[in-house]
Amino acid sequence: MKKILLLGSGELGKEFVIAAMRAGQYVIACDRYDNAPAMQVADEREVFSMLDGDALEAVIEKHRPDIIVPEIEAIRTERLFKFEEQGIQVVPSARAVNYTMNRRAIRDLASKELGLRTAKYFYAKTFGEFKRAADEIGYPCVVKPLMSSSGHGQSYVHNEDELVAAFKEAMEGSRGDVKEVIIEEFIDFDSEFTLLTVTQKKGPTLFCPPIGHVQKGGDYRESWQPYQISDEALKKAQDMASKVTRALTGVGIWGVEFFLTRQGEVIFSELSPRPHDTGMVTLGHTTNLSEFELHFRAVMGLPIPAIHLEHAGASAVILSPKNVSMPVNRSLLDYNLEEALKEDRTRVRIFGKPEAHKGRRMGVVLCYGEVEDDVNALRDKAKRLAKTVLGTEPYMQK
């Protein structure tokens, strides 16, 4: 049995904990607030700010875990080098989490060091720098905080009149104490996809079948497998994912995001060194192992003989229709499961978040069928059923 310290206890961490507990491991779930989703299924919990380096070190010293698994960005990741040197396994590695918790480091690695095709970009700490960068890139452009998640602080700027609001939103949406933004050229893409990439201690790097997804403001709204892509474009994506994960080092699952242009060009977008929200579709039996089971096996050094597609599937998020303060009075969020569960090959996963605000992801609907089934029909089904659970639209495309 291994003792695992999970840093960040959201819905992705919850599914990882379930995979670990099923295999007889011991998990301590950590987050800045109590009763976070992963805490509800873990052996122990710790509540503290992971941006407090001393508090982080105190918790690690207290529990002396065998493995540290970061699940969020807002962590004093530089402190993890010390524990890795002491023999504690950091997932994927201390180097990887330090690079990927900040968009500057990972974008510069991908573009400047590895030569991967990315959108043109600049950084800015002041509004003056921001405006000059936007003028250089042109409009429309995309603005993001250097450190954020779930699309917080991200916006599209269509003209100069929107710059002030976009800069303010990016600064306020930043997680942690990194107050800097990245401005990117707008890619006129046909679609976006995620390539879940698994690096192993002993075996070769493996890839899940690519996952198509739709985001609103950088936040996941739906995803599906299989995603149609040419063999040539898929090979390019796999080559890029291999290069960047090899450079970052370590083991586990990585969510590598790409744009696919209307001309068929594959462009690197972002990378997460952990299970990816768009990969929740794998909970609907699309692949032989879910992304969480794959992550757990890779972390533990257990064999992964192969990854293959078993079903076509789609996921759509369930959004809160209103604000509910902590602690949640569950009667205020009335999850109606009956309509969704009337339909065959449908599953609903409620995350168990103890606080809700309007538009927050509270769960997901998963629909699946045979590999040859029409994936667009599954997408429509998942979105329709997600609307019935809390009475909200799963997303509205612009």
Protein backbone atom coordinates (compact mmCIF):
# COMPACT_ATOMS: atom_id res chain seq x y z
CA MET A 1 0.00 0.00 0.00
CA LYS A 2 1.20 3.51 -0.86
CA LYS A 3 0.30 6.74 0.93
CA ILE A 4 -0.79 9.34 -1.62
CA LEU A 5 -1.10 13.08 -0.90
CA LEU A 6 -3.52 14.75 -3.33
CA LEU A 7 -3.03 18.51 -3.73
CA GLY A 8 -6.37 19.83 -4.93
CA SER A 9 -9.61 17.94 -4.36
CA GLY A 10 -11.99 18.82 -7.18
CA GLU A 11 -14.03 16.48 -9.35
CA LEU A 12 -11.00 15.20 -11.27
CA GLY A 13 -9.19 14.45 -8.03
CA LYS A 14 -12.28 12.65 -6.74
CA GLU A 15 -12.23 10.18 -9.62
CA PHE A 16 -8.49 9.62 -9.15
CA VAL A 17 -9.05 8.91 -5.45
CA ILE A 18 -11.76 6.39 -6.31
CA ALA A 19 -9.34 4.61 -8.66
CA ALA A 20 -6.66 4.57 -5.95
CA MET A 21 -9.02 3.40 -3.19
CA ARG A 22 -10.30 0.58 -5.35
CA ALA A 23 -6.71 -0.62 -5.57
CA GLY A 24 -6.22 -0.52 -1.80
CA GLN A 25 -4.17 2.68 -1.48
CA TYR A 26 -4.30 5.31 1.29
CA VAL A 27 -5.15 8.87 0.23
CA ILE A 28 -5.01 12.24 2.00
CA ALA A 29 -6.99 14.85 0.06
CA CYS A 30 -6.02 18.53 0.42
CA ASP A 31 -7.72 21.75 -0.60
CA ARG A 32 -8.27 25.32 0.55
CA TYR A 33 -11.87 24.54 1.64
CA ASP A 34 -13.44 21.67 3.56
CA ASN A 35 -15.61 18.91 2.11
CA ALA A 36 -14.22 19.31 -1.40
CA PRO A 37 -15.29 16.47 -3.74
CA ALA A 38 -12.17 14.30 -3.37
CA MET A 39 -12.24 14.66 0.42
CA GLN A 40 -15.60 12.88 0.44
CA VAL A 41 -13.99 9.61 -0.71
CA ALA A 42 -10.46 9.88 0.78
CA ASP A 43 -9.05 8.41 4.00
CA GLU A 44 -8.01 11.78 5.45
CA ARG A 45 -8.25 15.45 4.59
CA GLU A 46 -6.24 18.61 5.14
CA VAL A 47 -7.63 22.12 4.67
CA PHE A 48 -5.09 24.88 3.96
CA SER A 49 -3.89 27.23 1.23
CA MET A 50 -1.40 25.43 -0.96
CA LEU A 51 0.00 28.83 -1.93
CA ASP A 52 1.32 28.99 1.63
CA GLY A 53 4.65 27.23 1.17
CA ASP A 54 5.23 26.71 4.88
CA ALA A 55 1.77 25.20 5.35
CA LEU A 56 2.36 22.93 2.35
CA GLU A 57 5.67 21.72 3.77
CA ALA A 58 4.11 21.17 7.19
CA VAL A 59 1.41 18.91 5.73
CA ILE A 60 3.96 16.92 3.73
CA GLU A 61 6.18 16.53 6.79
CA LYS A 62 3.19 15.48 8.87
CA HIS A 63 2.05 12.70 6.54
CA ARG A 64 5.34 11.76 4.80
CA PRO A 65 3.55 10.40 1.73
CA ASP A 66 5.10 8.05 -0.79
CA ILE A 67 3.55 9.98 -3.68
CA ILE A 68 2.43 13.61 -4.13
CA VAL A 69 -0.22 14.16 -6.84
CA PRO A 70 -0.98 17.82 -7.72
CA GLU A 71 -4.45 18.39 -9.17
CA ILE A 72 -4.62 22.22 -9.35
CA GLU A 73 -2.43 25.14 -10.42
CA ALA A 74 -2.41 27.23 -7.23
CA ILE A 75 0.40 25.41 -5.40
CA ARG A 76 3.88 26.47 -4.27
CA THR A 77 5.24 23.94 -6.72
CA GLU A 78 8.85 25.08 -6.25
CA ARG A 79 8.75 23.54 -2.77
CA LEU A 80 8.18 20.08 -4.29
CA PHE A 81 11.77 19.82 -5.58
CA LYS A 82 12.95 19.43 -2.00
CA PHE A 83 10.66 16.46 -1.36
CA GLU A 84 11.43 14.84 -4.68
CA GLU A 85 15.12 14.96 -3.73
CA GLN A 86 14.18 13.20 -0.49
CA GLY A 87 12.71 10.31 -2.46
CA ILE A 88 9.02 11.24 -2.49
CA GLN A 89 7.55 10.72 -5.95
CA VAL A 90 6.01 13.91 -7.41
CA VAL A 91 3.53 13.37 -10.26
CA PRO A 92 4.45 13.64 -13.04
CA SER A 93 7.64 15.24 -11.69
CA ALA A 94 8.61 18.40 -9.81
CA ARG A 95 9.98 19.80 -13.07
CA ALA A 96 6.73 19.14 -14.91
CA VAL A 97 4.40 20.72 -12.36
CA ASN A 98 6.63 23.79 -12.09
CA TYR A 99 6.57 24.30 -15.84
CA THR A 100 2.90 23.64 -16.39
CA MET A 101 1.44 25.60 -13.48
CA ASN A 102 2.37 28.77 -15.36
CA ARG A 103 1.48 29.42 -19.02
CA ARG A 104 4.72 31.37 -19.63
CA ALA A 105 6.99 28.42 -18.89
CA ILE A 106 5.08 25.82 -20.86
CA ARG A 107 4.45 28.08 -23.86
CA ASP A 108 8.11 29.12 -24.07
CA LEU A 109 9.20 25.48 -23.77
CA ALA A 110 6.84 24.38 -26.53
CA SER A 111 7.48 27.26 -28.91
CA LYS A 112 11.06 28.41 -28.33
CA GLU A 113 12.84 25.27 -27.09
CA LEU A 114 10.95 22.50 -28.87
CA GLY A 115 9.88 24.42 -31.96
CA LEU A 116 6.23 23.35 -31.82
CA ARG A 117 3.68 25.30 -33.83
CA THR A 118 1.76 27.58 -31.44
CA ALA A 119 -0.27 30.75 -31.74
CA LYS A 120 1.78 33.96 -31.80
CA TYR A 121 1.89 35.35 -28.26
CA PHE A 122 3.19 38.05 -25.91
CA TYR A 123 3.17 38.60 -22.14
CA ALA A 124 2.13 41.71 -20.23
CA LYS A 125 2.25 42.86 -16.60
CA THR A 126 0.99 46.39 -17.23
CA PHE A 127 -1.80 47.77 -19.37
CA GLY A 128 0.75 49.61 -21.52
CA GLU A 129 2.54 46.36 -22.32
CA PHE A 130 -0.81 44.72 -22.91
CA LYS A 131 -1.97 47.34 -25.42
CA ARG A 132 1.30 47.25 -27.36
CA ALA A 133 1.07 43.46 -27.57
CA ALA A 134 -2.52 43.57 -28.77
CA ASP A 135 -1.62 46.14 -31.42
CA GLU A 136 1.22 43.89 -32.60
CA ILE A 137 -0.94 40.74 -32.77
CA GLY A 138 -4.04 42.42 -34.15
CA TYR A 139 -7.72 41.73 -33.61
CA PRO A 140 -9.39 39.53 -32.65
CA CYS A 141 -6.98 38.16 -30.04
CA VAL A 142 -7.25 35.94 -26.98
CA VAL A 143 -6.36 37.06 -23.45
CA LYS A 144 -5.65 34.70 -20.52
CA PRO A 145 -4.09 34.97 -17.06
CA LEU A 146 -0.72 33.21 -16.84
CA MET A 147 -2.11 31.08 -14.02
CA SER A 148 -5.78 30.10 -14.04
CA SER A 149 -8.13 27.19 -14.56
CA SER A 150 -11.63 26.48 -15.91
CA GLY A 151 -11.42 29.50 -18.20
CA HIS A 152 -11.32 32.08 -15.37
CA GLY A 153 -10.18 35.44 -16.67
CA GLN A 154 -10.09 34.39 -20.32
CA SER A 155 -11.72 36.50 -23.02
CA TYR A 156 -11.72 37.34 -26.71
CA VAL A 157 -10.89 40.92 -27.66
CA HIS A 158 -12.49 42.05 -30.90
CA ASN A 159 -11.29 45.66 -30.95
CA GLU A 160 -9.35 48.28 -29.01
CA ASP A 161 -12.45 49.37 -27.08
CA GLU A 162 -12.51 46.01 -25.26
CA LEU A 163 -8.91 46.10 -24.03
CA VAL A 164 -9.48 47.71 -20.63
CA ALA A 165 -12.21 45.25 -19.63
CA ALA A 166 -10.22 42.25 -20.91
CA PHE A 167 -7.07 43.24 -19.01
CA LYS A 168 -9.06 43.78 -15.80
CA GLU A 169 -10.84 40.42 -16.20
CA ALA A 170 -7.56 38.56 -16.80
CA MET A 171 -5.87 40.12 -13.78
CA GLU A 172 -8.84 39.45 -11.51
CA GLY A 173 -9.24 35.90 -12.84
CA SER A 174 -5.65 34.95 -12.10
CA ARG A 175 -5.09 32.18 -9.57
CA GLY A 176 -2.29 32.45 -7.06
CA ASP A 177 -0.05 35.49 -6.91
CA VAL A 178 1.02 35.57 -10.57
CA LYS A 179 -0.31 38.86 -11.94
CA GLU A 180 0.59 38.65 -15.62
CA VAL A 181 -1.36 37.89 -18.77
CA ILE A 182 -0.68 36.22 -22.09
CA ILE A 183 -2.07 37.68 -25.33
CA GLU A 184 -2.40 35.27 -28.26
CA GLU A 185 -3.32 35.56 -31.89
CA PHE A 186 -6.77 34.21 -32.62
CA ILE A 187 -6.56 30.89 -34.45
CA ASP A 188 -9.40 30.42 -36.94
CA PHE A 189 -9.71 26.78 -36.02
CA ASP A 190 -12.17 24.23 -37.30
CA SER A 191 -12.24 22.39 -33.95
CA GLU A 192 -10.28 21.68 -30.78
CA PHE A 193 -9.22 18.35 -29.40
CA THR A 194 -7.43 16.79 -26.46
CA LEU A 195 -4.84 14.04 -26.81
CA LEU A 196 -4.60 12.20 -23.49
CA THR A 197 -0.98 11.08 -23.32
CA VAL A 198 0.29 8.48 -20.85
CA THR A 199 3.95 8.36 -19.88
CA GLN A 200 5.13 5.29 -17.97
CA LYS A 201 7.98 4.24 -15.71
CA LYS A 202 8.81 1.20 -17.81
CA GLY A 203 6.50 1.00 -20.82
CA PRO A 204 6.22 3.22 -23.91
CA THR A 205 4.26 6.46 -24.15
CA LEU A 206 0.63 5.66 -24.98
CA PHE A 207 -2.19 7.75 -26.43
CA CYS A 208 -5.92 7.63 -25.92
CA PRO A 209 -8.06 8.09 -29.03
CA PRO A 210 -8.36 11.89 -29.49
CA ILE A 211 -11.22 13.67 -27.75
CA GLY A 212 -13.15 16.46 -29.44
CA HIS A 213 -14.37 19.24 -27.18
CA VAL A 214 -16.21 22.55 -27.02
CA GLN A 215 -15.26 25.26 -24.55
CA LYS A 216 -16.95 28.49 -23.56
CA GLY A 217 -14.52 31.14 -22.38
CA GLY A 218 -11.86 28.46 -21.99
CA ASP A 219 -14.11 26.30 -19.79
CA TYR A 220 -15.10 22.76 -20.82
CA ARG A 221 -18.73 22.32 -21.84
CA GLU A 222 -18.82 19.07 -23.83
CA SER A 223 -16.48 16.40 -25.18
CA TRP A 224 -16.73 13.30 -27.33
CA GLN A 225 -14.92 10.23 -28.65
CA PRO A 226 -14.12 9.32 -31.35
CA TYR A 227 -13.00 12.63 -32.78
CA GLN A 228 -12.52 12.52 -36.54
CA ILE A 229 -9.00 13.45 -37.62
CA SER A 230 -6.75 12.34 -40.45
CA ASP A 231 -3.99 9.85 -39.74
CA GLU A 232 -1.42 12.45 -40.77
CA ALA A 233 -2.78 15.11 -38.39
CA LEU A 234 -3.03 12.60 -35.54
CA LYS A 235 0.58 11.55 -36.06
CA LYS A 236 1.68 15.20 -35.87
CA ALA A 237 -0.25 15.67 -32.62
CA GLN A 238 1.25 12.52 -31.14
CA ASP A 239 4.76 13.63 -32.10
CA MET A 240 4.24 17.03 -30.44
CA ALA A 241 2.74 15.46 -27.31
CA SER A 242 5.68 13.04 -27.09
CA LYS A 243 8.22 15.85 -27.41
CA VAL A 244 6.73 18.09 -24.76
CA THR A 245 6.02 15.34 -22.20
CA ARG A 246 9.51 13.89 -22.69
CA ALA A 247 11.03 17.34 -22.10
CA LEU A 248 8.99 17.83 -18.93
CA THR A 249 9.80 14.32 -17.61
CA GLY A 250 7.78 12.10 -15.28
CA VAL A 251 4.93 9.61 -15.34
CA GLY A 252 1.17 9.91 -15.46
CA ILE A 253 -1.51 11.16 -17.80
CA TRP A 254 -1.26 14.50 -19.57
CA GLY A 255 -4.07 16.44 -21.21
CA VAL A 256 -2.48 17.95 -24.33
CA GLU A 257 -4.77 20.37 -26.17
CA PHE A 258 -4.58 21.23 -29.87
CA PHE A 259 -6.34 23.34 -32.47
CA LEU A 260 -7.15 21.82 -35.85
CA THR A 261 -7.43 24.51 -38.52
CA ARG A 262 -9.73 24.42 -41.51
CA GLN A 263 -6.65 23.64 -43.60
CA GLY A 264 -5.85 20.59 -41.45
CA GLU A 265 -2.92 22.16 -39.56
CA VAL A 266 -2.38 20.95 -35.98
CA ILE A 267 -1.40 23.71 -33.52
CA PHE A 268 -0.31 23.13 -29.92
CA SER A 269 -2.50 25.00 -27.43
CA GLU A 270 -2.01 23.97 -23.80
CA LEU A 271 -0.98 21.09 -21.57
CA SER A 272 -2.10 19.84 -18.14
CA PRO A 273 0.08 17.34 -16.22
CA ARG A 274 -2.91 15.44 -14.84
CA PRO A 275 -6.34 14.12 -15.87
CA HIS A 276 -8.16 16.57 -18.10
CA ASP A 277 -11.73 17.75 -17.72
CA THR A 278 -12.54 16.88 -21.34
CA GLY A 279 -11.38 13.34 -20.55
CA MET A 280 -14.38 12.83 -18.27
CA VAL A 281 -16.03 11.33 -21.35
CA THR A 282 -13.92 8.22 -20.66
CA LEU A 283 -16.09 7.60 -17.57
CA GLY A 284 -18.77 6.60 -20.08
CA HIS A 285 -16.89 3.48 -21.17
CA THR A 286 -15.46 4.99 -24.34
CA THR A 287 -12.04 3.46 -23.62
CA ASN A 288 -11.09 0.22 -21.91
CA LEU A 289 -9.63 2.22 -19.00
CA SER A 290 -10.83 5.66 -17.90
CA GLU A 291 -8.31 8.50 -17.80
CA PHE A 292 -8.30 8.22 -14.00
CA GLU A 293 -7.49 4.51 -14.04
CA LEU A 294 -4.76 5.20 -16.59
CA HIS A 295 -3.32 7.96 -14.42
CA PHE A 296 -3.36 5.74 -11.35
CA ARG A 297 -1.66 2.84 -13.13
CA ALA A 298 1.02 5.07 -14.60
CA VAL A 299 1.68 6.74 -11.22
CA MET A 300 2.00 3.36 -9.51
CA GLY A 301 4.12 1.82 -12.26
CA LEU A 302 1.44 -0.80 -12.99
CA PRO A 303 1.14 -2.35 -16.47
CA ILE A 304 -1.03 -0.74 -19.14
CA PRO A 305 -1.15 -3.36 -21.92
CA ALA A 306 -3.02 -1.12 -24.38
CA ILE A 307 -5.54 1.70 -24.73
CA HIS A 308 -8.34 1.19 -27.21
CA LEU A 309 -11.76 2.57 -28.08
CA GLU A 310 -14.65 0.40 -26.90
CA HIS A 311 -17.63 2.73 -27.40
CA ALA A 312 -18.50 6.02 -29.00
CA GLY A 313 -19.45 8.49 -26.31
CA ALA A 314 -20.21 12.08 -25.37
CA SER A 315 -20.28 14.16 -22.20
CA ALA A 316 -22.06 17.41 -21.38
CA VAL A 317 -21.71 19.43 -18.20
CA ILE A 318 -24.47 20.19 -15.71
CA LEU A 319 -24.36 23.86 -14.71
CA SER A 320 -25.73 25.43 -11.56
CA PRO A 321 -28.67 27.75 -12.26
CA LYS A 322 -28.02 29.90 -9.18
CA ASN A 323 -25.68 30.84 -6.35
CA VAL A 324 -25.71 28.67 -3.24
CA SER A 325 -23.45 29.62 -0.34
CA MET A 326 -21.40 27.10 1.61
CA PRO A 327 -22.50 24.86 3.15
CA VAL A 328 -24.92 23.77 0.47
CA ASN A 329 -28.49 23.21 1.53
CA ARG A 330 -29.03 20.33 -0.84
CA SER A 331 -32.71 21.13 -1.17
CA LEU A 332 -31.66 24.31 -2.95
CA LEU A 333 -29.98 22.29 -5.70
CA ASP A 334 -32.60 19.76 -6.68
CA TYR A 335 -30.85 17.27 -8.92
CA ASN A 336 -33.50 15.68 -11.12
CA LEU A 337 -31.97 12.40 -12.29
CA GLU A 338 -35.16 10.71 -13.41
CA GLU A 339 -35.42 12.10 -16.94
CA ALA A 340 -31.76 11.46 -17.76
CA LEU A 341 -31.71 7.95 -16.35
CA LYS A 342 -34.79 6.91 -18.30
CA GLU A 343 -32.57 6.70 -21.36
CA ASP A 344 -30.39 3.67 -22.03
CA ARG A 345 -26.60 3.91 -22.00
CA THR A 346 -26.68 7.08 -19.94
CA ARG A 347 -24.85 7.89 -16.72
CA VAL A 348 -24.93 10.95 -14.48
CA ARG A 349 -22.04 11.95 -12.24
CA ILE A 350 -22.73 14.65 -9.62
CA PHE A 351 -19.43 16.10 -8.39
CA GLY A 352 -20.49 16.88 -4.81
CA LYS A 353 -19.19 20.45 -4.70
CA PRO A 354 -20.25 22.09 -1.43
CA GLU A 355 -20.64 25.53 -3.00
CA ALA A 356 -22.30 26.64 -6.21
CA HIS A 357 -22.46 29.80 -8.24
CA LYS A 358 -24.46 30.42 -11.37
CA GLY A 359 -22.82 28.65 -14.29
CA ARG A 360 -20.49 26.48 -12.18
CA ARG A 361 -19.98 22.87 -13.28
CA MET A 362 -21.81 20.66 -10.80
CA GLY A 363 -21.87 17.38 -12.68
CA VAL A 364 -21.75 15.69 -16.05
CA VAL A 365 -24.01 13.54 -18.20
CA LEU A 366 -22.35 10.70 -20.10
CA CYS A 367 -23.94 8.93 -23.07
CA TYR A 368 -22.38 6.11 -25.06
CA GLY A 369 -23.12 3.68 -27.88
CA GLU A 370 -21.43 1.39 -30.36
CA VAL A 371 -18.14 2.52 -31.88
CA GLU A 372 -19.80 3.03 -35.28
CA ASP A 373 -22.72 5.08 -33.85
CA ASP A 374 -23.25 8.69 -34.88
CA VAL A 375 -21.24 10.66 -32.34
CA ASN A 376 -23.16 13.86 -33.16
CA ALA A 377 -26.38 12.16 -32.12
CA LEU A 378 -24.72 11.17 -28.83
CA ARG A 379 -23.56 14.76 -28.33
CA ASP A 380 -27.10 16.05 -28.85
CA LYS A 381 -28.46 13.44 -26.44
CA ALA A 382 -25.92 14.30 -23.72
CA LYS A 383 -26.60 18.04 -24.00
CA ARG A 384 -30.37 17.52 -23.98
CA LEU A 385 -30.23 15.34 -20.88
CA ALA A 386 -27.76 17.61 -19.05
CA LYS A 387 -30.34 20.37 -19.34
CA THR A 388 -32.93 18.26 -17.48
CA VAL A 389 -30.83 17.66 -14.35
CA LEU A 390 -30.83 21.26 -13.09
CA GLY A 391 -32.85 22.93 -15.79
CA THR A 392 -29.94 24.82 -17.36
CA GLU A 393 -28.41 24.90 -20.81
CA PRO A 394 -25.14 22.91 -20.87
CA TYR A 395 -23.58 25.66 -22.97
CA MET A 396 -24.47 28.36 -25.43
CA GLN A 397 -22.21 28.67 -28.45
CA LYS A 398 -21.42 32.15 -29.65
